[in-house]
Amino acid sequence: MYSCSDLKKGLKLMVDGEPHVIVAFDFTKPGKGQALYKCKLRNMITGSLFDRTYRSGESFEPANLEDRDMQYLYQDETGYVFMDQKTFEQVTLTEETLGDDKYFLIDNMDVKVLMFGDRAIGITLPNFVNLKVTQTDPWVKGDTAAGNNKPATVETGYSLQVPSFVEEGDLIQIDTRTGAYNTRVKE
């Protein structure tokens, strides 16, 4: 069980029988009375946000979540299909559940799928992924100023800003946590 002193951003706990994650947290101690813990919670199944205030002394049940090592297989009309590497069981996640993470998935990529009971509710990607640039403007002589970026689209359809020396066909490394260009990769 968690107590109020354990509350922090990113903590996963059960609220009303469903897993929630704390996305914002604020502690206030009024002049008299009990301390207040104001939390903004996101439902990990529906994605809805709400605010809740707790008083010191309350306790919370940890979310019963499990990370499973899985491999991304393919996308079809029902969603994105992942396979457990130990049991070969397959689970499907919808586009809404994945959000922007869908742009960083490559066939046969190893990911961690977050499970609530028998239900998949999210994924954890590797910190970096290598993707091929499929569309960008050509480099123009004289575009050498530092910080001079241009838009580019990678093979998964994701658009981002890249340095002016990146060309179509280049393999680039993208930080999946921020969605930003990291470096050009030698093939």
Protein backbone atom coordinates (compact mmCIF):
# COMPACT_ATOMS: atom_id res chain seq x y z
CA MET A 1 0.00 0.00 0.00
CA TYR A 2 1.14 3.55 -0.77
CA SER A 3 0.72 6.43 1.67
CA CYS A 4 0.35 10.12 0.78
CA SER A 5 4.08 10.65 1.26
CA ASP A 6 4.71 8.20 -1.63
CA LEU A 7 2.69 10.26 -4.14
CA LYS A 8 4.77 11.68 -7.01
CA LYS A 9 4.55 12.25 -10.75
CA GLY A 10 4.55 8.97 -12.69
CA LEU A 11 3.29 6.81 -9.80
CA LYS A 12 0.74 4.20 -10.91
CA LEU A 13 -2.10 3.40 -8.52
CA MET A 14 -5.64 2.00 -8.44
CA VAL A 15 -8.53 4.47 -8.24
CA ASP A 16 -12.13 3.22 -8.42
CA GLY A 17 -10.93 -0.22 -9.58
CA GLU A 18 -8.91 1.02 -12.60
CA PRO A 19 -5.20 1.83 -13.02
CA HIS A 20 -4.28 5.52 -13.05
CA VAL A 21 -1.00 7.39 -13.36
CA ILE A 22 -0.22 10.71 -11.64
CA VAL A 23 0.64 13.27 -14.34
CA ALA A 24 0.86 16.36 -12.08
CA PHE A 25 1.33 16.64 -8.33
CA ASP A 26 1.20 19.51 -5.83
CA PHE A 27 1.65 19.47 -2.05
CA THR A 28 0.15 22.23 0.10
CA LYS A 29 0.27 22.68 3.86
CA PRO A 30 -2.30 25.20 5.06
CA GLY A 31 -1.63 27.13 8.27
CA LYS A 32 -3.83 24.82 10.25
CA GLY A 33 -5.36 21.49 9.41
CA GLN A 34 -4.09 18.52 7.45
CA ALA A 35 -1.70 18.69 4.50
CA LEU A 36 -3.32 18.44 1.06
CA TYR A 37 -2.01 16.44 -1.89
CA LYS A 38 -3.48 17.67 -5.18
CA CYS A 39 -3.06 15.20 -8.02
CA LYS A 40 -3.96 15.23 -11.70
CA LEU A 41 -4.63 11.61 -12.63
CA ARG A 42 -4.88 9.95 -16.04
CA ASN A 43 -6.94 6.80 -16.43
CA MET A 44 -4.59 4.31 -18.12
CA ILE A 45 -7.45 2.53 -19.89
CA THR A 46 -9.66 5.38 -21.14
CA GLY A 47 -7.05 8.17 -21.14
CA SER A 48 -9.35 10.60 -19.31
CA LEU A 49 -7.83 13.22 -16.99
CA PHE A 50 -9.26 14.42 -13.69
CA ASP A 51 -8.15 16.18 -10.51
CA ARG A 52 -8.35 14.66 -7.08
CA THR A 53 -7.28 16.03 -3.69
CA TYR A 54 -6.15 13.74 -0.88
CA ARG A 55 -5.50 14.46 2.80
CA SER A 56 -2.49 13.17 4.70
CA GLY A 57 -3.07 9.76 6.23
CA GLU A 58 -4.89 8.23 3.25
CA SER A 59 -3.53 5.07 1.67
CA PHE A 60 -3.60 3.81 -1.92
CA GLU A 61 -3.47 0.46 -3.62
CA PRO A 62 -0.63 0.03 -6.15
CA ALA A 63 -1.80 -0.61 -9.71
CA ASN A 64 -1.61 -4.30 -10.59
CA LEU A 65 0.36 -3.81 -13.81
CA GLU A 66 2.86 -6.06 -15.53
CA ASP A 67 5.42 -5.27 -18.24
CA ARG A 68 5.78 -8.09 -20.76
CA ASP A 69 8.53 -8.39 -23.34
CA MET A 70 6.81 -8.54 -26.71
CA GLN A 71 7.66 -8.14 -30.37
CA TYR A 72 5.76 -5.87 -32.77
CA LEU A 73 4.56 -7.97 -35.71
CA TYR A 74 2.30 -5.96 -38.03
CA GLN A 75 -0.63 -3.57 -38.38
CA ASP A 76 -4.02 -4.63 -39.71
CA GLU A 77 -7.57 -3.19 -39.75
CA THR A 78 -8.09 -4.07 -36.05
CA GLY A 79 -4.90 -2.41 -34.79
CA TYR A 80 -1.27 -3.12 -34.03
CA VAL A 81 -0.37 -6.75 -33.24
CA PHE A 82 2.27 -7.76 -30.69
CA MET A 83 3.49 -11.24 -29.75
CA ASP A 84 4.68 -12.43 -26.34
CA GLN A 85 8.14 -13.90 -26.92
CA LYS A 86 7.71 -16.63 -24.29
CA THR A 87 4.13 -17.85 -24.79
CA PHE A 88 3.66 -16.73 -28.43
CA GLU A 89 0.32 -15.23 -27.38
CA GLN A 90 -0.72 -12.26 -29.53
CA VAL A 91 -2.37 -9.03 -28.34
CA THR A 92 -3.75 -6.16 -30.41
CA LEU A 93 -3.58 -2.49 -29.42
CA THR A 94 -5.68 0.19 -31.10
CA GLU A 95 -4.31 3.32 -32.73
CA GLU A 96 -5.92 5.45 -29.98
CA THR A 97 -4.19 3.42 -27.25
CA LEU A 98 -0.75 3.81 -28.87
CA GLY A 99 -1.04 7.52 -29.68
CA ASP A 100 2.17 8.90 -31.23
CA ASP A 101 4.12 5.75 -30.28
CA LYS A 102 2.72 4.16 -33.48
CA TYR A 103 5.11 6.32 -35.54
CA PHE A 104 8.17 4.66 -33.98
CA LEU A 105 7.16 1.02 -34.48
CA ILE A 106 9.24 -1.07 -36.89
CA ASP A 107 8.45 -4.69 -37.82
CA ASN A 108 9.99 -7.18 -35.35
CA MET A 109 10.86 -4.41 -32.83
CA ASP A 110 11.14 -5.56 -29.20
CA VAL A 111 8.95 -3.48 -26.86
CA LYS A 112 7.49 -3.78 -23.38
CA VAL A 113 3.69 -4.04 -23.36
CA LEU A 114 1.96 -2.83 -20.21
CA MET A 115 -0.71 -5.32 -19.12
CA PHE A 116 -3.60 -4.79 -16.69
CA GLY A 117 -4.81 -8.32 -16.02
CA ASP A 118 -5.20 -9.83 -19.49
CA ARG A 119 -5.67 -6.46 -21.18
CA ALA A 120 -2.88 -4.56 -22.97
CA ILE A 121 -3.10 -0.84 -22.13
CA GLY A 122 0.17 0.64 -23.45
CA ILE A 123 3.74 0.12 -24.61
CA THR A 124 7.22 1.25 -23.65
CA LEU A 125 9.49 1.80 -26.64
CA PRO A 126 13.29 1.69 -26.72
CA ASN A 127 14.72 5.19 -26.09
CA PHE A 128 16.01 5.48 -29.67
CA VAL A 129 14.83 4.13 -33.02
CA ASN A 130 16.50 4.28 -36.46
CA LEU A 131 14.22 5.29 -39.35
CA LYS A 132 14.83 6.10 -43.01
CA VAL A 133 14.00 9.61 -44.31
CA THR A 134 11.48 9.31 -47.16
CA GLN A 135 10.83 12.98 -47.91
CA THR A 136 12.71 16.21 -47.24
CA ASP A 137 13.79 19.29 -49.16
CA PRO A 138 17.20 19.05 -50.85
CA TRP A 139 20.19 20.75 -49.27
CA VAL A 140 20.87 24.21 -50.68
CA LYS A 141 24.41 25.57 -50.87
CA GLY A 142 24.80 28.25 -48.25
CA ASP A 143 22.49 26.57 -45.71
CA THR A 144 25.26 26.12 -43.17
CA ALA A 145 24.10 28.34 -40.30
CA ALA A 146 23.87 26.56 -36.96
CA GLY A 147 20.32 25.70 -35.98
CA ASN A 148 19.11 25.79 -39.59
CA ASN A 149 16.58 22.95 -39.65
CA LYS A 150 14.11 21.72 -42.24
CA PRO A 151 11.06 19.44 -42.11
CA ALA A 152 11.41 15.76 -42.96
CA THR A 153 9.13 12.72 -43.07
CA VAL A 154 10.35 9.23 -42.15
CA GLU A 155 9.20 5.80 -43.39
CA THR A 156 6.47 5.48 -40.73
CA GLY A 157 4.84 8.79 -41.70
CA TYR A 158 6.21 10.77 -38.73
CA SER A 159 7.29 14.38 -39.46
CA LEU A 160 10.06 16.16 -37.58
CA GLN A 161 12.72 18.86 -37.92
CA VAL A 162 16.18 17.71 -39.07
CA PRO A 163 19.46 19.52 -39.80
CA SER A 164 19.89 20.83 -43.34
CA PHE A 165 22.54 18.18 -44.27
CA VAL A 166 20.05 15.27 -43.88
CA GLU A 167 18.86 14.01 -47.27
CA GLU A 168 16.23 11.58 -48.54
CA GLY A 169 17.33 7.98 -48.00
CA ASP A 170 19.45 8.81 -44.92
CA LEU A 171 18.98 6.66 -41.82
CA ILE A 172 18.45 8.86 -38.75
CA GLN A 173 18.15 8.13 -35.04
CA ILE A 174 15.07 9.58 -33.30
CA ASP A 175 14.55 9.91 -29.54
CA THR A 176 11.18 8.19 -28.92
CA ARG A 177 10.63 10.07 -25.65
CA THR A 178 10.69 13.52 -27.31
CA GLY A 179 10.20 12.68 -31.00
CA ALA A 180 13.27 14.76 -31.87
CA TYR A 181 16.15 14.08 -34.28
CA ASN A 182 19.23 12.73 -32.48
CA THR A 183 21.89 11.84 -35.08
CA ARG A 184 22.46 10.48 -38.56
CA VAL A 185 23.31 6.75 -38.59
CA LYS A 186 25.80 5.01 -40.87
CA GLU A 187 24.23 2.01 -42.61
